[in-house]
Amino acid sequence: QVQLVESGGGLVQAGASLRLSCAASGSIFSTLVLAWFRQAPGKEREFVGVISWSGGTTYYADSVKGRFTISRDNAKIAVYLQMNSLKPEDTAVYYCAATTRYYCSDYGCPRTLYEYDHWGQGTQVTVSS
């Protein structure tokens, strides 16, 4: 069983940076594909970024590419989302997710919420203009 707990959200002004953390428990953490999703009010939960078990492969949504960076520390059993140049449209609840059923391959990494079977409780990020 994998448990995920996010932290690091808050209220910032446009252009600022935030670093989200996701602490995990579970002995198989280092083998898991991990991702960040977000959900804005009245909208569906959407993919933000994903990282392979080794950390060597990452993919991002077009809306955050070049501004957000996902990383992981398997020794600390944690995954991070560094968010720079934040915009008001980045306002959302951010969720950490893990999948025990899908892996990254030459064709890519899992990016739909249905491919993930473990979720954190979410952390609120609010960006003011």
Foldseek 3Di string as FASTA:
>chain_A
DKAKAKDWADEEAAQAKTKMKIAMDDPCLLQKKKFKWWDDPPGDIFGAKIAFSVRPDMDGDPVQPPFWDKGDDVVRRMIMIIGGRDDQVVWTWMKMFIAPQWGQDPVGGDTDPVRTDYIYPTDTHGYHD
